[in-house]
Amino acid sequence: MYGLPNDINLAFFKQRELLQVCIGAHDLILNFDGRISVTLTSSIGLTSCGSPMRRYDDFRQAASDLVTLIDQRIVSAESDGAGTLTLEFDVGGRLSIYDDSRQYESYTIKNAGQLIVV
């Protein structure tokens, strides 16, 4: 909806540890150390340990793959310029968060008081 700004500095994600995965019927919340959280209502793509990427619209179906990222650290965070945020973890997992709604918020990022709405 709003897009991820092209000039955004995502360095605050680097070396942050995923502490908690909260799965609801229509949303997913990822809580990291350093007072960082990402709340999603969009679809995600997930790759774990060399497996092909799988796209999920229902977070419940992604639960078993998502929990493998708990206690893992982010080694890179990138924006593709079209709203997709990709987080790569130290175990080789990769999480792509898509901006796939033109009418509603797809995800929000909270970073120690700063709010980014996409």
Protein backbone atom coordinates (compact mmCIF):
# COMPACT_ATOMS: atom_id res chain seq x y z
CA MET A 1 0.00 0.00 0.00
CA TYR A 2 2.57 2.56 1.10
CA GLY A 3 5.65 0.75 -0.10
CA LEU A 4 8.96 0.45 1.66
CA PRO A 5 10.93 3.66 1.06
CA ASN A 6 13.77 3.18 -1.42
CA ASP A 7 16.19 5.08 0.79
CA ILE A 8 15.37 3.20 3.99
CA ASN A 9 18.29 2.10 6.11
CA LEU A 10 17.58 -1.44 7.30
CA ALA A 11 20.87 -1.81 9.19
CA PHE A 12 18.97 -1.90 12.50
CA PHE A 13 17.92 -5.49 11.63
CA LYS A 14 21.50 -6.77 11.39
CA GLN A 15 22.44 -9.27 14.11
CA ARG A 16 18.99 -9.07 15.72
CA GLU A 17 17.77 -12.34 17.16
CA LEU A 18 14.27 -13.64 16.52
CA LEU A 19 12.81 -14.21 19.98
CA GLN A 20 9.15 -14.94 19.31
CA VAL A 21 6.76 -15.94 16.52
CA CYS A 22 3.10 -15.12 17.22
CA ILE A 23 0.62 -16.64 14.77
CA GLY A 24 -2.99 -15.50 14.54
CA ALA A 25 -5.81 -16.27 12.15
CA HIS A 26 -5.02 -13.23 10.00
CA ASP A 27 -1.70 -11.87 11.22
CA LEU A 28 1.82 -12.82 12.15
CA ILE A 29 4.03 -10.99 14.63
CA LEU A 30 7.79 -11.46 14.75
CA ASN A 31 9.51 -10.11 17.86
CA PHE A 32 13.26 -9.53 17.83
CA ASP A 33 15.68 -8.40 20.48
CA GLY A 34 16.46 -4.67 20.52
CA ARG A 35 12.76 -3.72 20.68
CA ILE A 36 12.13 -4.57 17.03
CA SER A 37 8.94 -6.21 15.80
CA VAL A 38 7.29 -6.84 12.46
CA THR A 39 3.51 -7.31 12.21
CA LEU A 40 2.30 -8.89 8.97
CA THR A 41 -1.07 -9.24 7.32
CA SER A 42 0.36 -10.02 3.87
CA SER A 43 1.79 -13.16 2.38
CA ILE A 44 5.33 -14.39 2.98
CA GLY A 45 7.93 -16.47 1.20
CA LEU A 46 10.10 -18.77 3.26
CA THR A 47 13.22 -20.74 2.44
CA SER A 48 14.89 -22.90 5.06
CA CYS A 49 18.21 -24.73 4.88
CA GLY A 50 18.46 -25.10 1.12
CA SER A 51 14.84 -25.99 0.47
CA PRO A 52 12.99 -24.17 -2.33
CA MET A 53 11.02 -21.05 -1.42
CA ARG A 54 7.43 -21.62 -0.42
CA ARG A 55 4.85 -18.85 -0.45
CA TYR A 56 2.26 -18.76 2.33
CA ASP A 57 -1.00 -16.83 2.55
CA ASP A 58 -2.05 -18.73 5.68
CA PHE A 59 0.50 -18.26 8.47
CA ARG A 60 -0.68 -21.41 10.24
CA GLN A 61 0.68 -23.45 7.35
CA ALA A 62 4.07 -21.76 7.75
CA ALA A 63 4.27 -22.31 11.52
CA SER A 64 6.64 -25.28 11.50
CA ASP A 65 9.06 -23.49 9.18
CA LEU A 66 8.84 -20.17 11.01
CA VAL A 67 9.66 -21.60 14.44
CA THR A 68 12.96 -22.98 13.10
CA LEU A 69 14.10 -19.34 12.87
CA ILE A 70 13.64 -18.69 16.60
CA ASP A 71 16.98 -17.97 18.31
CA GLN A 72 18.57 -17.21 14.93
CA ARG A 73 20.15 -13.90 13.97
CA ILE A 74 19.58 -11.78 10.89
CA VAL A 75 22.66 -11.43 8.71
CA SER A 76 21.08 -9.17 6.09
CA ALA A 77 17.91 -7.17 5.46
CA GLU A 78 17.06 -5.91 1.99
CA SER A 79 14.30 -4.06 0.18
CA ASP A 80 13.61 -4.83 -3.46
CA GLY A 81 12.21 -1.37 -4.17
CA ALA A 82 8.70 -2.75 -4.71
CA GLY A 83 7.79 -3.17 -1.05
CA THR A 84 9.22 -6.62 -0.35
CA LEU A 85 11.41 -6.92 2.73
CA THR A 86 13.77 -9.91 2.78
CA LEU A 87 15.46 -11.04 5.98
CA GLU A 88 18.26 -13.59 5.75
CA PHE A 89 19.14 -15.57 8.87
CA ASP A 90 22.45 -17.03 9.99
CA VAL A 91 21.16 -20.61 9.60
CA GLY A 92 20.53 -20.01 5.91
CA GLY A 93 16.81 -19.33 6.20
CA ARG A 94 15.32 -16.49 4.20
CA LEU A 95 12.01 -14.76 4.91
CA SER A 96 10.44 -12.51 2.26
CA ILE A 97 7.60 -10.27 3.44
CA TYR A 98 5.45 -9.04 0.56
CA ASP A 99 3.60 -5.77 0.11
CA ASP A 100 0.68 -7.42 -1.66
CA SER A 101 -2.28 -5.19 -0.81
CA ARG A 102 -3.14 -1.95 -2.57
CA GLN A 103 -5.94 -1.12 -0.13
CA TYR A 104 -4.58 -2.07 3.28
CA GLU A 105 -1.35 -2.19 5.23
CA SER A 106 0.71 -5.26 4.38
CA TYR A 107 3.11 -5.04 7.30
CA THR A 108 4.50 -2.67 9.90
CA ILE A 109 7.96 -2.49 11.39
CA LYS A 110 8.52 -1.11 14.90
CA ASN A 111 12.08 -0.18 15.74
CA ALA A 112 12.48 1.24 19.26
CA GLY A 113 9.67 3.78 18.85
CA GLN A 114 9.93 4.31 15.09
CA LEU A 115 7.00 2.97 13.05
CA ILE A 116 7.31 2.07 9.37
CA VAL A 117 4.01 1.24 7.63
CA VAL A 118 4.07 -0.66 4.35
